PDB file of all heavy atoms in Angstrom:
ATOM      1  N   GLY A   1       0.789  -1.226   0.000  1.00  0.00           N
ATOM      2  CA  GLY A   1       0.000   0.000   0.000  1.00  0.00           C
ATOM      3  C   GLY A   1       0.819   1.272   0.000  1.00  0.00           C
ATOM      4  O   GLY A   1       0.264   2.383  -0.015  1.00  0.00           O
ATOM      5  N   LEU A   2       2.132   1.124   0.010  1.00  0.00           N
ATOM      6  CA  LEU A   2       3.017   2.283   0.136  1.00  0.00           C
ATOM      7  C   LEU A   2       2.889   3.257  -1.035  1.00  0.00           C
ATOM      8  O   LEU A   2       2.847   4.472  -0.850  1.00  0.00           O
ATOM      9  CB  LEU A   2       4.463   1.786   0.262  1.00  0.00           C
ATOM     10  CG  LEU A   2       5.554   2.839   0.423  1.00  0.00           C
ATOM     11  CD1 LEU A   2       5.334   3.647   1.695  1.00  0.00           C
ATOM     12  CD2 LEU A   2       6.935   2.158   0.456  1.00  0.00           C
ATOM     13  N   TYR A   3       2.814   2.741  -2.243  1.00  0.00           N
ATOM     14  CA  TYR A   3       2.794   3.592  -3.440  1.00  0.00           C
ATOM     15  C   TYR A   3       1.580   4.512  -3.436  1.00  0.00           C
ATOM     16  O   TYR A   3       1.703   5.729  -3.611  1.00  0.00           O
ATOM     17  CB  TYR A   3       2.783   2.693  -4.685  1.00  0.00           C
ATOM     18  CG  TYR A   3       3.052   3.406  -5.996  1.00  0.00           C
ATOM     19  CD1 TYR A   3       4.341   3.461  -6.522  1.00  0.00           C
ATOM     20  CD2 TYR A   3       2.030   3.995  -6.731  1.00  0.00           C
ATOM     21  CE1 TYR A   3       4.602   4.078  -7.735  1.00  0.00           C
ATOM     22  CE2 TYR A   3       2.276   4.623  -7.939  1.00  0.00           C
ATOM     23  CZ  TYR A   3       3.572   4.665  -8.432  1.00  0.00           C
ATOM     24  OH  TYR A   3       3.818   5.286  -9.627  1.00  0.00           O
ATOM     25  N   ARG A   4       0.413   3.929  -3.207  1.00  0.00           N
ATOM     26  CA  ARG A   4      -0.801   4.737  -3.219  1.00  0.00           C
ATOM     27  C   ARG A   4      -0.769   5.805  -2.119  1.00  0.00           C
ATOM     28  O   ARG A   4      -1.169   6.947  -2.344  1.00  0.00           O
ATOM     29  CB  ARG A   4      -2.032   3.844  -3.045  1.00  0.00           C
ATOM     30  CG  ARG A   4      -3.354   4.626  -2.991  1.00  0.00           C
ATOM     31  CD  ARG A   4      -4.518   3.697  -2.745  1.00  0.00           C
ATOM     32  NE  ARG A   4      -4.782   2.863  -3.901  1.00  0.00           N
ATOM     33  CZ  ARG A   4      -5.516   3.247  -4.947  1.00  0.00           C
ATOM     34  NH1 ARG A   4      -6.052   4.461  -4.966  1.00  0.00           N
ATOM     35  NH2 ARG A   4      -5.726   2.432  -5.947  1.00  0.00           N
ATOM     36  N   ARG A   5      -0.303   5.419  -0.941  1.00  0.00           N
ATOM     37  CA  ARG A   5      -0.255   6.385   0.151  1.00  0.00           C
ATOM     38  C   ARG A   5       0.660   7.563  -0.174  1.00  0.00           C
ATOM     39  O   ARG A   5       0.331   8.716   0.119  1.00  0.00           O
ATOM     40  CB  ARG A   5       0.220   5.710   1.450  1.00  0.00           C
ATOM     41  CG  ARG A   5      -0.766   4.715   2.040  1.00  0.00           C
ATOM     42  CD  ARG A   5      -0.398   4.362   3.477  1.00  0.00           C
ATOM     43  NE  ARG A   5       0.929   3.783   3.583  1.00  0.00           N
ATOM     44  CZ  ARG A   5       1.187   2.486   3.465  1.00  0.00           C
ATOM     45  NH1 ARG A   5       0.192   1.628   3.200  1.00  0.00           N
ATOM     46  NH2 ARG A   5       2.422   2.021   3.603  1.00  0.00           N
ATOM     47  N   ARG A   6       1.791   7.276  -0.811  1.00  0.00           N
ATOM     48  CA  ARG A   6       2.724   8.366  -1.122  1.00  0.00           C
ATOM     49  C   ARG A   6       2.180   9.254  -2.232  1.00  0.00           C
ATOM     50  O   ARG A   6       2.360  10.479  -2.201  1.00  0.00           O
ATOM     51  CB  ARG A   6       4.099   7.797  -1.522  1.00  0.00           C
ATOM     52  CG  ARG A   6       5.180   8.884  -1.518  1.00  0.00           C
ATOM     53  CD  ARG A   6       5.314   9.482  -0.139  1.00  0.00           C
ATOM     54  NE  ARG A   6       6.112  10.709  -0.062  1.00  0.00           N
ATOM     55  CZ  ARG A   6       5.635  11.947  -0.171  1.00  0.00           C
ATOM     56  NH1 ARG A   6       4.347  12.157  -0.389  1.00  0.00           N
ATOM     57  NH2 ARG A   6       6.412  12.990  -0.041  1.00  0.00           N
ATOM     58  N   ILE A   7       1.512   8.671  -3.216  1.00  0.00           N
ATOM     59  CA  ILE A   7       0.902   9.473  -4.278  1.00  0.00           C
ATOM     60  C   ILE A   7      -0.206  10.356  -3.701  1.00  0.00           C
ATOM     61  O   ILE A   7      -0.308  11.546  -4.029  1.00  0.00           O
ATOM     62  CB  ILE A   7       0.352   8.585  -5.406  1.00  0.00           C
ATOM     63  CG1 ILE A   7       1.502   7.920  -6.188  1.00  0.00           C
ATOM     64  CG2 ILE A   7      -0.525   9.397  -6.357  1.00  0.00           C
ATOM     65  CD1 ILE A   7       2.341   8.879  -7.000  1.00  0.00           C
ATOM     66  N   ASP A   8      -1.033   9.785  -2.829  1.00  0.00           N
ATOM     67  CA  ASP A   8      -2.110  10.567  -2.204  1.00  0.00           C
ATOM     68  C   ASP A   8      -1.536  11.786  -1.474  1.00  0.00           C
ATOM     69  O   ASP A   8      -2.046  12.906  -1.603  1.00  0.00           O
ATOM     70  CB  ASP A   8      -2.884   9.704  -1.195  1.00  0.00           C
ATOM     71  CG  ASP A   8      -3.771   8.666  -1.872  1.00  0.00           C
ATOM     72  OD1 ASP A   8      -4.013   8.801  -3.088  1.00  0.00           O
ATOM     73  OD2 ASP A   8      -4.206   7.723  -1.184  1.00  0.00           O
ATOM     74  N   ARG A   9      -0.477  11.554  -0.710  1.00  0.00           N
ATOM     75  CA  ARG A   9       0.113  12.644   0.064  1.00  0.00           C
ATOM     76  C   ARG A   9       0.740  13.689  -0.857  1.00  0.00           C
ATOM     77  O   ARG A   9       0.608  14.903  -0.627  1.00  0.00           O
ATOM     78  CB  ARG A   9       1.162  12.079   1.034  1.00  0.00           C
ATOM     79  CG  ARG A   9       1.652  13.091   2.042  1.00  0.00           C
ATOM     80  CD  ARG A   9       2.259  12.426   3.271  1.00  0.00           C
ATOM     81  NE  ARG A   9       3.542  11.800   3.006  1.00  0.00           N
ATOM     82  CZ  ARG A   9       3.759  10.492   3.038  1.00  0.00           C
ATOM     83  NH1 ARG A   9       2.780   9.649   3.295  1.00  0.00           N
ATOM     84  NH2 ARG A   9       4.967  10.009   2.814  1.00  0.00           N
ATOM     85  N   LEU A  10       1.386  13.226  -1.921  1.00  0.00           N
ATOM     86  CA  LEU A  10       2.028  14.154  -2.852  1.00  0.00           C
ATOM     87  C   LEU A  10       1.010  15.045  -3.551  1.00  0.00           C
ATOM     88  O   LEU A  10       1.240  16.259  -3.702  1.00  0.00           O
ATOM     89  CB  LEU A  10       2.838  13.375  -3.891  1.00  0.00           C
ATOM     90  CG  LEU A  10       3.434  14.195  -5.044  1.00  0.00           C
ATOM     91  CD1 LEU A  10       4.366  15.282  -4.513  1.00  0.00           C
ATOM     92  CD2 LEU A  10       4.172  13.282  -6.023  1.00  0.00           C
ATOM     93  N   VAL A  11      -0.101  14.475  -3.978  1.00  0.00           N
ATOM     94  CA  VAL A  11      -1.123  15.280  -4.652  1.00  0.00           C
ATOM     95  C   VAL A  11      -1.633  16.373  -3.718  1.00  0.00           C
ATOM     96  O   VAL A  11      -1.829  17.525  -4.136  1.00  0.00           O
ATOM     97  CB  VAL A  11      -2.274  14.388  -5.151  1.00  0.00           C
ATOM     98  CG1 VAL A  11      -3.437  15.234  -5.670  1.00  0.00           C
ATOM     99  CG2 VAL A  11      -1.779  13.464  -6.268  1.00  0.00           C
ATOM    100  N   ASP A  12      -1.821  16.038  -2.444  1.00  0.00           N
ATOM    101  CA  ASP A  12      -2.240  17.063  -1.472  1.00  0.00           C
ATOM    102  C   ASP A  12      -1.171  18.135  -1.296  1.00  0.00           C
ATOM    103  O   ASP A  12      -1.482  19.322  -1.125  1.00  0.00           O
ATOM    104  CB  ASP A  12      -2.544  16.412  -0.126  1.00  0.00           C
ATOM    105  CG  ASP A  12      -3.816  15.579  -0.139  1.00  0.00           C
ATOM    106  OD1 ASP A  12      -4.649  15.806  -1.042  1.00  0.00           O
ATOM    107  OD2 ASP A  12      -3.954  14.705   0.737  1.00  0.00           O
ATOM    108  N   GLU A  13       0.093  17.729  -1.345  1.00  0.00           N
ATOM    109  CA  GLU A  13       1.193  18.675  -1.159  1.00  0.00           C
ATOM    110  C   GLU A  13       1.390  19.580  -2.364  1.00  0.00           C
ATOM    111  O   GLU A  13       1.776  20.755  -2.222  1.00  0.00           O
ATOM    112  CB  GLU A  13       2.498  17.909  -0.878  1.00  0.00           C
ATOM    113  CG  GLU A  13       2.511  17.164   0.450  1.00  0.00           C
ATOM    114  CD  GLU A  13       3.663  16.171   0.549  1.00  0.00           C
ATOM    115  OE1 GLU A  13       4.355  15.943  -0.476  1.00  0.00           O
ATOM    116  OE2 GLU A  13       3.871  15.622   1.656  1.00  0.00           O
ATOM    117  N   ILE A  14       1.132  19.028  -3.547  1.00  0.00           N
ATOM    118  CA  ILE A  14       1.470  19.773  -4.757  1.00  0.00           C
ATOM    119  C   ILE A  14       0.401  20.804  -5.139  1.00  0.00           C
ATOM    120  O   ILE A  14       0.685  21.761  -5.862  1.00  0.00           O
ATOM    121  CB  ILE A  14       1.734  18.793  -5.927  1.00  0.00           C
ATOM    122  CG1 ILE A  14       2.773  19.374  -6.887  1.00  0.00           C
ATOM    123  CG2 ILE A  14       0.452  18.413  -6.661  1.00  0.00           C
ATOM    124  CD1 ILE A  14       3.314  18.367  -7.879  1.00  0.00           C
ATOM    125  N   ARG A  15      -0.798  20.630  -4.632  1.00  0.00           N
ATOM    126  CA  ARG A  15      -1.872  21.586  -4.975  1.00  0.00           C
ATOM    127  C   ARG A  15      -1.520  23.017  -4.566  1.00  0.00           C
ATOM    128  O   ARG A  15      -1.570  23.928  -5.398  1.00  0.00           O
ATOM    129  CB  ARG A  15      -3.191  21.151  -4.334  1.00  0.00           C
ATOM    130  CG  ARG A  15      -3.790  19.893  -4.940  1.00  0.00           C
ATOM    131  CD  ARG A  15      -5.134  19.549  -4.325  1.00  0.00           C
ATOM    132  NE  ARG A  15      -5.588  18.239  -4.769  1.00  0.00           N
ATOM    133  CZ  ARG A  15      -6.188  17.992  -5.927  1.00  0.00           C
ATOM    134  NH1 ARG A  15      -6.401  18.994  -6.766  1.00  0.00           N
ATOM    135  NH2 ARG A  15      -6.569  16.776  -6.244  1.00  0.00           N
ATOM    136  N   PRO A  16      -1.150  23.261  -3.314  1.00  0.00           N
ATOM    137  CA  PRO A  16      -0.800  24.646  -2.960  1.00  0.00           C
ATOM    138  C   PRO A  16       0.503  25.121  -3.598  1.00  0.00           C
ATOM    139  O   PRO A  16       0.685  26.329  -3.817  1.00  0.00           O
ATOM    140  CB  PRO A  16      -0.682  24.606  -1.433  1.00  0.00           C
ATOM    141  CG  PRO A  16      -0.395  23.181  -1.100  1.00  0.00           C
ATOM    142  CD  PRO A  16      -1.125  22.380  -2.120  1.00  0.00           C
ATOM    143  N   LEU A  17       1.425  24.183  -3.919  1.00  0.00           N
ATOM    144  CA  LEU A  17       2.679  24.591  -4.542  1.00  0.00           C
ATOM    145  C   LEU A  17       2.459  25.158  -5.941  1.00  0.00           C
ATOM    146  O   LEU A  17       3.096  26.141  -6.340  1.00  0.00           O
ATOM    147  CB  LEU A  17       3.646  23.399  -4.623  1.00  0.00           C
ATOM    148  CG  LEU A  17       4.276  22.916  -3.314  1.00  0.00           C
ATOM    149  CD1 LEU A  17       5.120  21.672  -3.568  1.00  0.00           C
ATOM    150  CD2 LEU A  17       5.122  24.015  -2.687  1.00  0.00           C
ATOM    151  N   LEU A  18       1.553  24.529  -6.682  1.00  0.00           N
ATOM    152  CA  LEU A  18       1.310  24.966  -8.054  1.00  0.00           C
ATOM    153  C   LEU A  18       0.179  25.981  -8.151  1.00  0.00           C
ATOM    154  O   LEU A  18       0.089  26.730  -9.129  1.00  0.00           O
ATOM    155  CB  LEU A  18       1.001  23.758  -8.946  1.00  0.00           C
ATOM    156  CG  LEU A  18       2.134  22.732  -9.085  1.00  0.00           C
ATOM    157  CD1 LEU A  18       1.719  21.612 -10.034  1.00  0.00           C
ATOM    158  CD2 LEU A  18       3.408  23.386  -9.589  1.00  0.00           C
ATOM    159  N   ALA A  19      -0.707  25.967  -7.159  1.00  0.00           N
ATOM    160  CA  ALA A  19      -1.816  26.942  -7.094  1.00  0.00           C
ATOM    161  C   ALA A  19      -2.555  27.007  -8.427  1.00  0.00           C
ATOM    162  O   ALA A  19      -3.076  26.001  -8.889  1.00  0.00           O
ATOM    163  CB  ALA A  19      -1.272  28.303  -6.676  1.00  0.00           C
ATOM    164  N   GLU A  20      -2.597  28.190  -9.041  1.00  0.00           N
ATOM    165  CA  GLU A  20      -3.371  28.366 -10.282  1.00  0.00           C
ATOM    166  C   GLU A  20      -2.812  27.550 -11.444  1.00  0.00           C
ATOM    167  O   GLU A  20      -3.492  27.348 -12.453  1.00  0.00           O
ATOM    168  CB  GLU A  20      -3.398  29.851 -10.678  1.00  0.00           C
ATOM    169  CG  GLU A  20      -4.140  30.755  -9.704  1.00  0.00           C
ATOM    170  CD  GLU A  20      -3.221  31.267  -8.608  1.00  0.00           C
ATOM    171  OE1 GLU A  20      -2.099  30.732  -8.484  1.00  0.00           O
ATOM    172  OE2 GLU A  20      -3.629  32.184  -7.878  1.00  0.00           O
ATOM    173  N   ARG A  21      -1.575  27.088 -11.339  1.00  0.00           N
ATOM    174  CA  ARG A  21      -0.962  26.304 -12.412  1.00  0.00           C
ATOM    175  C   ARG A  21      -1.241  24.801 -12.283  1.00  0.00           C
ATOM    176  O   ARG A  21      -0.754  24.016 -13.094  1.00  0.00           O
ATOM    177  CB  ARG A  21       0.554  26.510 -12.406  1.00  0.00           C
ATOM    178  CG  ARG A  21       1.013  27.921 -12.715  1.00  0.00           C
ATOM    179  CD  ARG A  21       0.811  28.278 -14.170  1.00  0.00           C
ATOM    180  NE  ARG A  21       1.466  29.540 -14.514  1.00  0.00           N
ATOM    181  CZ  ARG A  21       1.308  30.165 -15.665  1.00  0.00           C
ATOM    182  NH1 ARG A  21       0.514  29.635 -16.596  1.00  0.00           N
ATOM    183  NH2 ARG A  21       1.930  31.305 -15.909  1.00  0.00           N
ATOM    184  N   LEU A  22      -2.007  24.406 -11.269  1.00  0.00           N
ATOM    185  CA  LEU A  22      -2.195  22.983 -10.999  1.00  0.00           C
ATOM    186  C   LEU A  22      -2.695  22.221 -12.220  1.00  0.00           C
ATOM    187  O   LEU A  22      -2.230  21.114 -12.505  1.00  0.00           O
ATOM    188  CB  LEU A  22      -3.177  22.780  -9.833  1.00  0.00           C
ATOM    189  CG  LEU A  22      -3.471  21.322  -9.464  1.00  0.00           C
ATOM    190  CD1 LEU A  22      -2.210  20.640  -8.947  1.00  0.00           C
ATOM    191  CD2 LEU A  22      -4.579  21.236  -8.430  1.00  0.00           C
ATOM    192  N   GLU A  23      -3.639  22.784 -12.950  1.00  0.00           N
ATOM    193  CA  GLU A  23      -4.193  22.089 -14.113  1.00  0.00           C
ATOM    194  C   GLU A  23      -3.799  22.772 -15.420  1.00  0.00           C
ATOM    195  O   GLU A  23      -4.478  22.646 -16.431  1.00  0.00           O
ATOM    196  CB  GLU A  23      -5.718  22.002 -13.978  1.00  0.00           C
ATOM    197  CG  GLU A  23      -6.150  21.181 -12.769  1.00  0.00           C
ATOM    198  CD  GLU A  23      -7.652  20.969 -12.701  1.00  0.00           C
ATOM    199  OE1 GLU A  23      -8.334  21.223 -13.706  1.00  0.00           O
ATOM    200  OE2 GLU A  23      -8.134  20.546 -11.643  1.00  0.00           O
ATOM    201  N   ASP A  24      -2.660  23.442 -15.394  1.00  0.00           N
ATOM    202  CA  ASP A  24      -2.119  24.083 -16.587  1.00  0.00           C
ATOM    203  C   ASP A  24      -1.235  23.068 -17.318  1.00  0.00           C
ATOM    204  O   ASP A  24      -0.138  22.733 -16.863  1.00  0.00           O
ATOM    205  CB  ASP A  24      -1.305  25.316 -16.184  1.00  0.00           C
ATOM    206  CG  ASP A  24      -0.827  26.130 -17.377  1.00  0.00           C
ATOM    207  OD1 ASP A  24      -0.613  25.542 -18.454  1.00  0.00           O
ATOM    208  OD2 ASP A  24      -0.651  27.359 -17.224  1.00  0.00           O
TER     209      ASP A  24
END
């Protein structure tokens, strides 16, 4: 289950980092 857990956490972390560019 390690892979999914790390991807889940990364997606949460990357949203504020990219902000308006998240879906660019």
